[in-house]
Amino acid sequence: MHRSALPDGMYECQTRSKKWRQMDKIYGSYFDLDRYYEELIANILKRIIMTNLQNTNDNYSITKYIIEL
């Protein structure tokens, strides 16, 4: 899509404050690492939970497992 299609549209970086953009230049890689780590952990936890739920047949055990997390 071209910019002319949305004349009032803005890039994501344009909506941030000047201070935030300066911080992002300095610490941006740290923020990216946190996001990638969260995605990785989320995928691992999802895989673990799904494996445990497939091995469990009764609903009481599934509920108990989820509450323990």
N, C-alpha and C. Protein backbone atom coordinates (compact mmCIF):
# COMPACT_ATOMS: atom_id res chain seq x y z
N MET A 1 0.84 -1.17 0.00
CA MET A 1 0.00 0.00 0.00
C MET A 1 0.89 1.24 0.00
N HIS A 2 0.54 2.19 -0.77
CA HIS A 2 1.33 3.41 -0.88
C HIS A 2 0.82 4.46 0.11
N ARG A 3 1.70 5.37 0.51
CA ARG A 3 1.35 6.43 1.46
C ARG A 3 0.19 7.28 0.97
N SER A 4 0.09 7.48 -0.33
CA SER A 4 -0.97 8.33 -0.86
C SER A 4 -2.36 7.73 -0.64
N ALA A 5 -2.45 6.43 -0.41
CA ALA A 5 -3.73 5.79 -0.15
C ALA A 5 -4.30 6.21 1.20
N LEU A 6 -3.44 6.49 2.16
CA LEU A 6 -3.85 6.95 3.49
C LEU A 6 -3.14 8.25 3.80
N PRO A 7 -3.70 9.38 3.40
CA PRO A 7 -3.00 10.65 3.58
C PRO A 7 -2.78 11.03 5.05
N ASP A 8 -3.66 10.57 5.93
CA ASP A 8 -3.50 10.87 7.36
C ASP A 8 -2.76 9.77 8.11
N GLY A 9 -2.33 8.75 7.40
CA GLY A 9 -1.63 7.64 8.02
C GLY A 9 -0.23 8.02 8.45
N MET A 10 0.26 7.34 9.49
CA MET A 10 1.59 7.62 10.02
C MET A 10 2.32 6.30 10.24
N TYR A 11 3.64 6.37 10.15
CA TYR A 11 4.46 5.23 10.52
C TYR A 11 4.46 5.11 12.04
N GLU A 12 4.74 3.90 12.52
CA GLU A 12 4.73 3.66 13.96
C GLU A 12 5.70 4.57 14.69
N CYS A 13 6.88 4.78 14.14
CA CYS A 13 7.89 5.60 14.81
C CYS A 13 7.46 7.07 14.88
N GLN A 14 6.60 7.51 13.96
CA GLN A 14 6.14 8.89 13.99
C GLN A 14 5.16 9.17 15.11
N THR A 15 4.54 8.15 15.64
CA THR A 15 3.57 8.35 16.71
C THR A 15 4.23 8.40 18.09
N ARG A 16 5.50 8.06 18.16
CA ARG A 16 6.21 8.06 19.44
C ARG A 16 6.81 9.44 19.72
N SER A 17 7.02 9.71 21.00
CA SER A 17 7.61 10.99 21.38
C SER A 17 9.09 11.03 21.02
N LYS A 18 9.65 12.24 21.03
CA LYS A 18 11.07 12.40 20.69
C LYS A 18 11.95 11.69 21.71
N LYS A 19 11.60 11.78 22.99
CA LYS A 19 12.37 11.10 24.04
C LYS A 19 12.34 9.59 23.84
N TRP A 20 11.15 9.06 23.51
CA TRP A 20 11.03 7.62 23.31
C TRP A 20 11.90 7.17 22.15
N ARG A 21 11.92 7.95 21.06
CA ARG A 21 12.75 7.58 19.91
C ARG A 21 14.22 7.61 20.26
N GLN A 22 14.64 8.57 21.09
CA GLN A 22 16.04 8.61 21.52
C GLN A 22 16.38 7.39 22.37
N MET A 23 15.46 7.05 23.28
CA MET A 23 15.69 5.86 24.12
C MET A 23 15.72 4.61 23.26
N ASP A 24 14.87 4.57 22.25
CA ASP A 24 14.82 3.40 21.38
C ASP A 24 16.13 3.24 20.59
N LYS A 25 16.74 4.35 20.20
CA LYS A 25 18.03 4.27 19.51
C LYS A 25 19.11 3.70 20.42
N ILE A 26 19.07 4.08 21.70
CA ILE A 26 20.09 3.64 22.64
C ILE A 26 19.81 2.22 23.15
N TYR A 27 18.57 1.99 23.61
CA TYR A 27 18.23 0.74 24.27
C TYR A 27 17.35 -0.17 23.42
N GLY A 28 17.18 0.13 22.16
CA GLY A 28 16.26 -0.63 21.32
C GLY A 28 16.56 -2.12 21.27
N SER A 29 17.82 -2.47 21.22
CA SER A 29 18.16 -3.89 21.13
C SER A 29 17.76 -4.65 22.40
N TYR A 30 17.80 -3.97 23.55
CA TYR A 30 17.37 -4.61 24.80
C TYR A 30 15.87 -4.86 24.77
N PHE A 31 15.10 -3.89 24.25
CA PHE A 31 13.66 -4.08 24.14
C PHE A 31 13.34 -5.23 23.18
N ASP A 32 14.08 -5.32 22.08
CA ASP A 32 13.85 -6.39 21.13
C ASP A 32 14.17 -7.74 21.75
N LEU A 33 15.24 -7.82 22.52
CA LEU A 33 15.59 -9.08 23.18
C LEU A 33 14.48 -9.53 24.12
N ASP A 34 13.91 -8.59 24.86
CA ASP A 34 12.82 -8.93 25.77
C ASP A 34 11.63 -9.47 25.00
N ARG A 35 11.29 -8.85 23.88
CA ARG A 35 10.15 -9.29 23.09
C ARG A 35 10.41 -10.69 22.53
N TYR A 36 11.63 -10.93 22.01
CA TYR A 36 11.94 -12.25 21.47
C TYR A 36 11.94 -13.31 22.56
N TYR A 37 12.45 -12.96 23.73
CA TYR A 37 12.46 -13.89 24.86
C TYR A 37 11.03 -14.25 25.27
N GLU A 38 10.16 -13.25 25.35
CA GLU A 38 8.77 -13.51 25.71
C GLU A 38 8.09 -14.42 24.69
N GLU A 39 8.36 -14.19 23.40
CA GLU A 39 7.79 -15.05 22.37
C GLU A 39 8.30 -16.48 22.50
N LEU A 40 9.57 -16.63 22.77
CA LEU A 40 10.16 -17.95 22.92
C LEU A 40 9.56 -18.68 24.12
N ILE A 41 9.50 -18.01 25.25
CA ILE A 41 8.95 -18.62 26.46
C ILE A 41 7.48 -18.97 26.26
N ALA A 42 6.72 -18.09 25.59
CA ALA A 42 5.31 -18.35 25.35
C ALA A 42 5.14 -19.62 24.52
N ASN A 43 5.97 -19.79 23.50
CA ASN A 43 5.87 -20.99 22.66
C ASN A 43 6.24 -22.24 23.44
N ILE A 44 7.26 -22.16 24.26
CA ILE A 44 7.68 -23.32 25.06
C ILE A 44 6.60 -23.69 26.07
N LEU A 45 6.05 -22.68 26.78
CA LEU A 45 5.00 -22.96 27.75
C LEU A 45 3.77 -23.54 27.08
N LYS A 46 3.41 -23.02 25.91
CA LYS A 46 2.26 -23.53 25.20
C LYS A 46 2.45 -25.00 24.85
N ARG A 47 3.65 -25.33 24.40
CA ARG A 47 3.94 -26.72 24.05
C ARG A 47 3.86 -27.62 25.28
N ILE A 48 4.41 -27.17 26.40
CA ILE A 48 4.39 -27.96 27.64
C ILE A 48 2.96 -28.16 28.12
N ILE A 49 2.18 -27.08 28.13
CA ILE A 49 0.80 -27.17 28.61
C ILE A 49 -0.02 -28.10 27.72
N MET A 50 0.12 -27.96 26.40
CA MET A 50 -0.65 -28.81 25.49
C MET A 50 -0.28 -30.28 25.65
N THR A 51 1.00 -30.56 25.87
CA THR A 51 1.43 -31.94 26.07
C THR A 51 0.82 -32.50 27.35
N ASN A 52 0.85 -31.71 28.42
CA ASN A 52 0.28 -32.18 29.69
C ASN A 52 -1.23 -32.32 29.61
N LEU A 53 -1.89 -31.45 28.89
CA LEU A 53 -3.34 -31.56 28.76
C LEU A 53 -3.74 -32.76 27.92
N GLN A 54 -2.95 -33.09 26.92
CA GLN A 54 -3.25 -34.26 26.10
C GLN A 54 -3.06 -35.55 26.89
N ASN A 55 -2.14 -35.52 27.84
CA ASN A 55 -1.89 -36.71 28.65
C ASN A 55 -2.90 -36.86 29.79
N THR A 56 -3.69 -35.82 30.03
CA THR A 56 -4.67 -35.84 31.11
C THR A 56 -6.05 -36.05 30.51
N ASN A 57 -6.81 -36.97 31.11
CA ASN A 57 -8.12 -37.30 30.55
C ASN A 57 -9.28 -36.64 31.29
N ASP A 58 -9.14 -36.35 32.57
CA ASP A 58 -10.29 -35.79 33.29
C ASP A 58 -10.18 -34.27 33.42
N ASN A 59 -11.32 -33.59 33.47
CA ASN A 59 -11.36 -32.14 33.51
C ASN A 59 -10.85 -31.58 34.82
N TYR A 60 -11.00 -32.31 35.92
CA TYR A 60 -10.54 -31.83 37.21
C TYR A 60 -9.02 -31.64 37.20
N SER A 61 -8.29 -32.58 36.64
CA SER A 61 -6.84 -32.49 36.58
C SER A 61 -6.38 -31.33 35.69
N ILE A 62 -7.11 -31.10 34.59
CA ILE A 62 -6.76 -29.99 33.69
C ILE A 62 -6.93 -28.68 34.41
N THR A 63 -8.05 -28.48 35.11
CA THR A 63 -8.30 -27.25 35.85
C THR A 63 -7.26 -27.06 36.95
N LYS A 64 -6.95 -28.12 37.66
CA LYS A 64 -5.96 -28.06 38.74
C LYS A 64 -4.59 -27.68 38.17
N TYR A 65 -4.22 -28.24 37.02
CA TYR A 65 -2.94 -27.93 36.41
C TYR A 65 -2.86 -26.46 35.99
N ILE A 66 -3.92 -25.94 35.41
CA ILE A 66 -3.93 -24.56 34.96
C ILE A 66 -3.84 -23.61 36.16
N ILE A 67 -4.53 -23.92 37.23
CA ILE A 67 -4.50 -23.05 38.42
C ILE A 67 -3.12 -23.06 39.04
N GLU A 68 -2.42 -24.18 39.01
CA GLU A 68 -1.08 -24.25 39.59
C GLU A 68 -0.08 -23.40 38.83
N LEU A 69 -0.31 -23.17 37.55
CA LEU A 69 0.59 -22.34 36.76
C LEU A 69 0.48 -20.92 37.24
